[in-house]
Amino acid sequence: MAKRYYAGGALSTQMLKDAYAGLTQEAQGLQTRYLPAIQEQARTLDAGKARDGARRLKRLCSPASCCGRPN
């Protein structure tokens, strides 16, 4: 949708509604498929590992290091 919009294409209300409905349906399918695995992993989650992973991710995604561009 974004590519079409920025290419100068018209986006009707119906097109946007259809796109949203399609994405919502796809998301519901993914939830149905992956929810049991997510729930199982959440039951055995190690808070320390999650915290360490979040810290590593924060360092990797800091503004100074993001995409190799300085802030």
PDB file of N, CA and C in Angstrom:
ATOM      1  N   MET A   1       0.826  -1.175   0.000  1.00  0.00           N
ATOM      2  CA  MET A   1       0.000   0.000   0.000  1.00  0.00           C
ATOM      3  C   MET A   1       0.879   1.251   0.000  1.00  0.00           C
ATOM      4  N   ALA A   2       1.933   1.220   0.806  1.00  0.00           N
ATOM      5  CA  ALA A   2       2.811   2.385   0.885  1.00  0.00           C
ATOM      6  C   ALA A   2       3.491   2.641  -0.453  1.00  0.00           C
ATOM      7  N   LYS A   3       3.973   1.580  -1.087  1.00  0.00           N
ATOM      8  CA  LYS A   3       4.626   1.757  -2.384  1.00  0.00           C
ATOM      9  C   LYS A   3       3.670   2.383  -3.388  1.00  0.00           C
ATOM     10  N   ARG A   4       2.449   1.907  -3.378  1.00  0.00           N
ATOM     11  CA  ARG A   4       1.463   2.451  -4.316  1.00  0.00           C
ATOM     12  C   ARG A   4       1.165   3.923  -4.000  1.00  0.00           C
ATOM     13  N   TYR A   5       1.024   4.230  -2.721  1.00  0.00           N
ATOM     14  CA  TYR A   5       0.729   5.603  -2.310  1.00  0.00           C
ATOM     15  C   TYR A   5       1.855   6.547  -2.726  1.00  0.00           C
ATOM     16  N   TYR A   6       3.087   6.158  -2.403  1.00  0.00           N
ATOM     17  CA  TYR A   6       4.213   7.041  -2.704  1.00  0.00           C
ATOM     18  C   TYR A   6       4.548   7.084  -4.188  1.00  0.00           C
ATOM     19  N   ALA A   7       4.071   6.133  -4.953  1.00  0.00           N
ATOM     20  CA  ALA A   7       4.250   6.169  -6.400  1.00  0.00           C
ATOM     21  C   ALA A   7       3.195   7.057  -7.057  1.00  0.00           C
ATOM     22  N   GLY A   8       2.327   7.620  -6.239  1.00  0.00           N
ATOM     23  CA  GLY A   8       1.321   8.529  -6.769  1.00  0.00           C
ATOM     24  C   GLY A   8      -0.004   7.864  -7.070  1.00  0.00           C
ATOM     25  N   GLY A   9      -0.148   6.617  -6.674  1.00  0.00           N
ATOM     26  CA  GLY A   9      -1.393   5.900  -6.922  1.00  0.00           C
ATOM     27  C   GLY A   9      -2.471   6.302  -5.935  1.00  0.00           C
ATOM     28  N   ALA A  10      -3.680   6.222  -6.366  1.00  0.00           N
ATOM     29  CA  ALA A  10      -4.803   6.563  -5.500  1.00  0.00           C
ATOM     30  C   ALA A  10      -5.133   5.372  -4.606  1.00  0.00           C
ATOM     31  N   LEU A  11      -5.484   5.670  -3.378  1.00  0.00           N
ATOM     32  CA  LEU A  11      -5.901   4.639  -2.434  1.00  0.00           C
ATOM     33  C   LEU A  11      -7.322   4.951  -1.996  1.00  0.00           C
ATOM     34  N   SER A  12      -8.217   4.102  -2.388  1.00  0.00           N
ATOM     35  CA  SER A  12      -9.601   4.327  -1.994  1.00  0.00           C
ATOM     36  C   SER A  12      -9.832   3.790  -0.587  1.00  0.00           C
ATOM     37  N   THR A  13     -10.890   4.232   0.016  1.00  0.00           N
ATOM     38  CA  THR A  13     -11.255   3.748   1.339  1.00  0.00           C
ATOM     39  C   THR A  13     -11.475   2.243   1.309  1.00  0.00           C
ATOM     40  N   GLN A  14     -12.092   1.752   0.264  1.00  0.00           N
ATOM     41  CA  GLN A  14     -12.353   0.315   0.159  1.00  0.00           C
ATOM     42  C   GLN A  14     -11.061  -0.476   0.045  1.00  0.00           C
ATOM     43  N   MET A  15     -10.086   0.045  -0.690  1.00  0.00           N
ATOM     44  CA  MET A  15      -8.796  -0.636  -0.807  1.00  0.00           C
ATOM     45  C   MET A  15      -8.124  -0.745   0.563  1.00  0.00           C
ATOM     46  N   LEU A  16      -8.167   0.334   1.325  1.00  0.00           N
ATOM     47  CA  LEU A  16      -7.564   0.317   2.658  1.00  0.00           C
ATOM     48  C   LEU A  16      -8.295  -0.649   3.585  1.00  0.00           C
ATOM     49  N   LYS A  17      -9.623  -0.659   3.502  1.00  0.00           N
ATOM     50  CA  LYS A  17     -10.402  -1.590   4.329  1.00  0.00           C
ATOM     51  C   LYS A  17     -10.088  -3.041   3.968  1.00  0.00           C
ATOM     52  N   ASP A  18      -9.969  -3.318   2.694  1.00  0.00           N
ATOM     53  CA  ASP A  18      -9.657  -4.677   2.241  1.00  0.00           C
ATOM     54  C   ASP A  18      -8.258  -5.098   2.693  1.00  0.00           C
ATOM     55  N   ALA A  19      -7.307  -4.183   2.581  1.00  0.00           N
ATOM     56  CA  ALA A  19      -5.941  -4.492   3.005  1.00  0.00           C
ATOM     57  C   ALA A  19      -5.907  -4.764   4.506  1.00  0.00           C
ATOM     58  N   TYR A  20      -6.596  -3.931   5.285  1.00  0.00           N
ATOM     59  CA  TYR A  20      -6.638  -4.112   6.739  1.00  0.00           C
ATOM     60  C   TYR A  20      -7.291  -5.449   7.090  1.00  0.00           C
ATOM     61  N   ALA A  21      -8.373  -5.775   6.424  1.00  0.00           N
ATOM     62  CA  ALA A  21      -9.067  -7.039   6.690  1.00  0.00           C
ATOM     63  C   ALA A  21      -8.162  -8.227   6.377  1.00  0.00           C
ATOM     64  N   GLY A  22      -7.432  -8.148   5.269  1.00  0.00           N
ATOM     65  CA  GLY A  22      -6.517  -9.223   4.902  1.00  0.00           C
ATOM     66  C   GLY A  22      -5.396  -9.400   5.912  1.00  0.00           C
ATOM     67  N   LEU A  23      -4.827  -8.281   6.361  1.00  0.00           N
ATOM     68  CA  LEU A  23      -3.756  -8.357   7.357  1.00  0.00           C
ATOM     69  C   LEU A  23      -4.274  -8.872   8.691  1.00  0.00           C
ATOM     70  N   THR A  24      -5.484  -8.461   9.065  1.00  0.00           N
ATOM     71  CA  THR A  24      -6.077  -8.930  10.311  1.00  0.00           C
ATOM     72  C   THR A  24      -6.310 -10.432  10.255  1.00  0.00           C
ATOM     73  N   GLN A  25      -6.801 -10.903   9.143  1.00  0.00           N
ATOM     74  CA  GLN A  25      -7.044 -12.337   8.978  1.00  0.00           C
ATOM     75  C   GLN A  25      -5.729 -13.116   9.027  1.00  0.00           C
ATOM     76  N   GLU A  26      -4.707 -12.593   8.370  1.00  0.00           N
ATOM     77  CA  GLU A  26      -3.394 -13.252   8.390  1.00  0.00           C
ATOM     78  C   GLU A  26      -2.832 -13.290   9.815  1.00  0.00           C
ATOM     79  N   ALA A  27      -2.975 -12.193  10.543  1.00  0.00           N
ATOM     80  CA  ALA A  27      -2.479 -12.125  11.918  1.00  0.00           C
ATOM     81  C   ALA A  27      -3.212 -13.114  12.819  1.00  0.00           C
ATOM     82  N   GLN A  28      -4.507 -13.252  12.628  1.00  0.00           N
ATOM     83  CA  GLN A  28      -5.269 -14.214  13.432  1.00  0.00           C
ATOM     84  C   GLN A  28      -4.809 -15.643  13.150  1.00  0.00           C
ATOM     85  N   GLY A  29      -4.489 -15.924  11.901  1.00  0.00           N
ATOM     86  CA  GLY A  29      -3.971 -17.241  11.548  1.00  0.00           C
ATOM     87  C   GLY A  29      -2.619 -17.507  12.188  1.00  0.00           C
ATOM     88  N   LEU A  30      -1.759 -16.489  12.190  1.00  0.00           N
ATOM     89  CA  LEU A  30      -0.452 -16.636  12.827  1.00  0.00           C
ATOM     90  C   LEU A  30      -0.591 -16.830  14.334  1.00  0.00           C
ATOM     91  N   GLN A  31      -1.528 -16.114  14.929  1.00  0.00           N
ATOM     92  CA  GLN A  31      -1.750 -16.267  16.370  1.00  0.00           C
ATOM     93  C   GLN A  31      -2.202 -17.691  16.682  1.00  0.00           C
ATOM     94  N   THR A  32      -3.127 -18.192  15.906  1.00  0.00           N
ATOM     95  CA  THR A  32      -3.616 -19.557  16.110  1.00  0.00           C
ATOM     96  C   THR A  32      -2.474 -20.564  15.974  1.00  0.00           C
ATOM     97  N   ARG A  33      -1.627 -20.330  14.990  1.00  0.00           N
ATOM     98  CA  ARG A  33      -0.527 -21.260  14.723  1.00  0.00           C
ATOM     99  C   ARG A  33       0.547 -21.219  15.801  1.00  0.00           C
ATOM    100  N   TYR A  34       0.929 -20.033  16.252  1.00  0.00           N
ATOM    101  CA  TYR A  34       2.083 -19.889  17.130  1.00  0.00           C
ATOM    102  C   TYR A  34       1.767 -19.694  18.611  1.00  0.00           C
ATOM    103  N   LEU A  35       0.525 -19.433  18.962  1.00  0.00           N
ATOM    104  CA  LEU A  35       0.189 -19.172  20.364  1.00  0.00           C
ATOM    105  C   LEU A  35       0.580 -20.307  21.308  1.00  0.00           C
ATOM    106  N   PRO A  36       0.323 -21.567  20.984  1.00  0.00           N
ATOM    107  CA  PRO A  36       0.734 -22.629  21.917  1.00  0.00           C
ATOM    108  C   PRO A  36       2.244 -22.632  22.187  1.00  0.00           C
ATOM    109  N   ALA A  37       3.052 -22.417  21.170  1.00  0.00           N
ATOM    110  CA  ALA A  37       4.509 -22.390  21.354  1.00  0.00           C
ATOM    111  C   ALA A  37       4.933 -21.181  22.177  1.00  0.00           C
ATOM    112  N   ILE A  38       4.313 -20.044  21.949  1.00  0.00           N
ATOM    113  CA  ILE A  38       4.620 -18.840  22.710  1.00  0.00           C
ATOM    114  C   ILE A  38       4.261 -19.042  24.178  1.00  0.00           C
ATOM    115  N   GLN A  39       3.089 -19.624  24.420  1.00  0.00           N
ATOM    116  CA  GLN A  39       2.669 -19.873  25.803  1.00  0.00           C
ATOM    117  C   GLN A  39       3.613 -20.841  26.504  1.00  0.00           C
ATOM    118  N   GLU A  40       4.035 -21.883  25.808  1.00  0.00           N
ATOM    119  CA  GLU A  40       4.956 -22.858  26.398  1.00  0.00           C
ATOM    120  C   GLU A  40       6.291 -22.204  26.726  1.00  0.00           C
ATOM    121  N   GLN A  41       6.785 -21.410  25.811  1.00  0.00           N
ATOM    122  CA  GLN A  41       8.059 -20.739  26.054  1.00  0.00           C
ATOM    123  C   GLN A  41       7.931 -19.747  27.209  1.00  0.00           C
ATOM    124  N   ALA A  42       6.803 -19.081  27.315  1.00  0.00           N
ATOM    125  CA  ALA A  42       6.590 -18.123  28.403  1.00  0.00           C
ATOM    126  C   ALA A  42       6.582 -18.829  29.759  1.00  0.00           C
ATOM    127  N   ARG A  43       6.077 -20.060  29.809  1.00  0.00           N
ATOM    128  CA  ARG A  43       6.047 -20.803  31.073  1.00  0.00           C
ATOM    129  C   ARG A  43       7.443 -21.146  31.562  1.00  0.00           C
ATOM    130  N   THR A  44       8.383 -21.313  30.650  1.00  0.00           N
ATOM    131  CA  THR A  44       9.729 -21.712  31.036  1.00  0.00           C
ATOM    132  C   THR A  44      10.735 -20.576  30.868  1.00  0.00           C
ATOM    133  N   LEU A  45      10.256 -19.365  30.773  1.00  0.00           N
ATOM    134  CA  LEU A  45      11.112 -18.210  30.546  1.00  0.00           C
ATOM    135  C   LEU A  45      12.016 -17.960  31.742  1.00  0.00           C
ATOM    136  N   ASP A  46      13.285 -17.753  31.467  1.00  0.00           N
ATOM    137  CA  ASP A  46      14.265 -17.387  32.476  1.00  0.00           C
ATOM    138  C   ASP A  46      14.391 -15.863  32.436  1.00  0.00           C
ATOM    139  N   ALA A  47      13.944 -15.194  33.485  1.00  0.00           N
ATOM    140  CA  ALA A  47      13.927 -13.730  33.507  1.00  0.00           C
ATOM    141  C   ALA A  47      15.328 -13.152  33.335  1.00  0.00           C
ATOM    142  N   GLY A  48      16.328 -13.793  33.898  1.00  0.00           N
ATOM    143  CA  GLY A  48      17.701 -13.305  33.762  1.00  0.00           C
ATOM    144  C   GLY A  48      18.174 -13.327  32.324  1.00  0.00           C
ATOM    145  N   LYS A  49      17.878 -14.410  31.605  1.00  0.00           N
ATOM    146  CA  LYS A  49      18.264 -14.495  30.195  1.00  0.00           C
ATOM    147  C   LYS A  49      17.511 -13.461  29.361  1.00  0.00           C
ATOM    148  N   ALA A  50      16.250 -13.264  29.673  1.00  0.00           N
ATOM    149  CA  ALA A  50      15.457 -12.278  28.943  1.00  0.00           C
ATOM    150  C   ALA A  50      16.027 -10.875  29.164  1.00  0.00           C
ATOM    151  N   ARG A  51      16.400 -10.564  30.388  1.00  0.00           N
ATOM    152  CA  ARG A  51      16.963  -9.254  30.723  1.00  0.00           C
ATOM    153  C   ARG A  51      18.294  -9.062  29.994  1.00  0.00           C
ATOM    154  N   ASP A  52      19.153 -10.097  30.016  1.00  0.00           N
ATOM    155  CA  ASP A  52      20.441  -9.999  29.336  1.00  0.00           C
ATOM    156  C   ASP A  52      20.256  -9.823  27.829  1.00  0.00           C
ATOM    157  N   GLY A  53      19.304 -10.545  27.269  1.00  0.00           N
ATOM    158  CA  GLY A  53      19.026 -10.410  25.843  1.00  0.00           C
ATOM    159  C   GLY A  53      18.533  -9.009  25.499  1.00  0.00           C
ATOM    160  N   ALA A  54      17.695  -8.450  26.363  1.00  0.00           N
ATOM    161  CA  ALA A  54      17.187  -7.093  26.128  1.00  0.00           C
ATOM    162  C   ALA A  54      18.326  -6.080  26.193  1.00  0.00           C
ATOM    163  N   ARG A  55      19.254  -6.287  27.105  1.00  0.00           N
ATOM    164  CA  ARG A  55      20.408  -5.376  27.210  1.00  0.00           C
ATOM    165  C   ARG A  55      21.279  -5.456  25.965  1.00  0.00           C
ATOM    166  N   ARG A  56      21.529  -6.669  25.487  1.00  0.00           N
ATOM    167  CA  ARG A  56      22.330  -6.826  24.268  1.00  0.00           C
ATOM    168  C   ARG A  56      21.630  -6.167  23.080  1.00  0.00           C
ATOM    169  N   LEU A  57      20.344  -6.366  22.994  1.00  0.00           N
ATOM    170  CA  LEU A  57      19.579  -5.767  21.903  1.00  0.00           C
ATOM    171  C   LEU A  57      19.622  -4.243  21.984  1.00  0.00           C
ATOM    172  N   LYS A  58      19.517  -3.714  23.185  1.00  0.00           N
ATOM    173  CA  LYS A  58      19.553  -2.259  23.360  1.00  0.00           C
ATOM    174  C   LYS A  58      20.894  -1.698  22.884  1.00  0.00           C
ATOM    175  N   ARG A  59      21.984  -2.401  23.201  1.00  0.00           N
ATOM    176  CA  ARG A  59      23.304  -1.942  22.747  1.00  0.00           C
ATOM    177  C   ARG A  59      23.404  -2.010  21.227  1.00  0.00           C
ATOM    178  N   LEU A  60      22.872  -3.064  20.639  1.00  0.00           N
ATOM    179  CA  LEU A  60      22.942  -3.216  19.185  1.00  0.00           C
ATOM    180  C   LEU A  60      22.111  -2.172  18.455  1.00  0.00           C
ATOM    181  N   CYS A  61      21.015  -1.756  19.067  1.00  0.00           N
ATOM    182  CA  CYS A  61      20.074  -0.848  18.407  1.00  0.00           C
ATOM    183  C   CYS A  61      20.149   0.576  18.920  1.00  0.00           C
ATOM    184  N   SER A  62      21.221   0.921  19.612  1.00  0.00           N
ATOM    185  CA  SER A  62      21.331   2.293  20.098  1.00  0.00           C
ATOM    186  C   SER A  62      21.469   3.233  18.914  1.00  0.00           C
ATOM    187  N   PRO A  63      21.041   4.477  19.062  1.00  0.00           N
ATOM    188  CA  PRO A  63      21.123   5.426  17.940  1.00  0.00           C
ATOM    189  C   PRO A  63      22.532   5.565  17.385  1.00  0.00           C
ATOM    190  N   ALA A  64      23.548   5.459  18.238  1.00  0.00           N
ATOM    191  CA  ALA A  64      24.920   5.617  17.778  1.00  0.00           C
ATOM    192  C   ALA A  64      25.362   4.453  16.898  1.00  0.00           C
ATOM    193  N   SER A  65      24.799   3.277  17.117  1.00  0.00           N
ATOM    194  CA  SER A  65      25.244   2.101  16.355  1.00  0.00           C
ATOM    195  C   SER A  65      24.245   1.656  15.300  1.00  0.00           C
ATOM    196  N   CYS A  66      23.065   2.223  15.276  1.00  0.00           N
ATOM    197  CA  CYS A  66      22.031   1.786  14.351  1.00  0.00           C
ATOM    198  C   CYS A  66      22.453   2.050  12.917  1.00  0.00           C
ATOM    199  N   CYS A  67      22.486   1.004  12.132  1.00  0.00           N
ATOM    200  CA  CYS A  67      22.788   1.091  10.694  1.00  0.00           C
ATOM    201  C   CYS A  67      24.160   1.694  10.421  1.00  0.00           C
ATOM    202  N   GLY A  68      25.019   1.749  11.437  1.00  0.00           N
ATOM    203  CA  GLY A  68      26.357   2.289  11.237  1.00  0.00           C
ATOM    204  C   GLY A  68      26.392   3.779  11.062  1.00  0.00           C
ATOM    205  N   ARG A  69      25.286   4.439  11.330  1.00  0.00           N
ATOM    206  CA  ARG A  69      25.237   5.893  11.171  1.00  0.00           C
ATOM    207  C   ARG A  69      25.359   6.586  12.502  1.00  0.00           C
ATOM    208  N   PRO A  70      26.179   7.614  12.604  1.00  0.00           N
ATOM    209  CA  PRO A  70      26.244   8.370  13.851  1.00  0.00           C
ATOM    210  C   PRO A  70      24.953   9.149  14.053  1.00  0.00           C
ATOM    211  N   ASN A  71      24.674   9.474  15.276  1.00  0.00           N
ATOM    212  CA  ASN A  71      23.457  10.217  15.617  1.00  0.00           C
ATOM    213  C   ASN A  71      23.522  11.649  15.179  1.00  0.00           C
TER     214      ASN A  71
END
